[in-house]
Amino acid sequence: MNTPKDTNTVTITSTYTTPKASVDTADYSSDALAAKWKQQVGNAKILWGKLTDDELLKTEGHVQHLTGLVQERYAVTRDAAAKQVDDFFAQFKS
């Protein structure tokens, strides 16, 4: 049995995937980093001067949140923002 197709229907599919961070970010949200984050806000402020101290403190060192702020404020791609954030945290990883 053939049914007529609805010509007003549009199917949209998305193939976007979030880029995988090049640095292991599992340690970034740990309690140790949260304590150190307040100390690193000054360094982050130097690097990303368009972000306020309050915005940086609210991220609590969470990579995805910080990446989103950098992407939004500096009008860069998600990949470029993620690289900046990864590079910033890589300095402190032991």
Foldseek 3Di string as FASTA:
>chain_A
DDDDDDPPDDDDDDDDDQDDQPDPCPCQQDPVNLVCQLVCLVVVCVVVVQDDSVQSNVCSRPLVSQLVVCCVRVVDDSVVSSVVSSVSVVVVDD
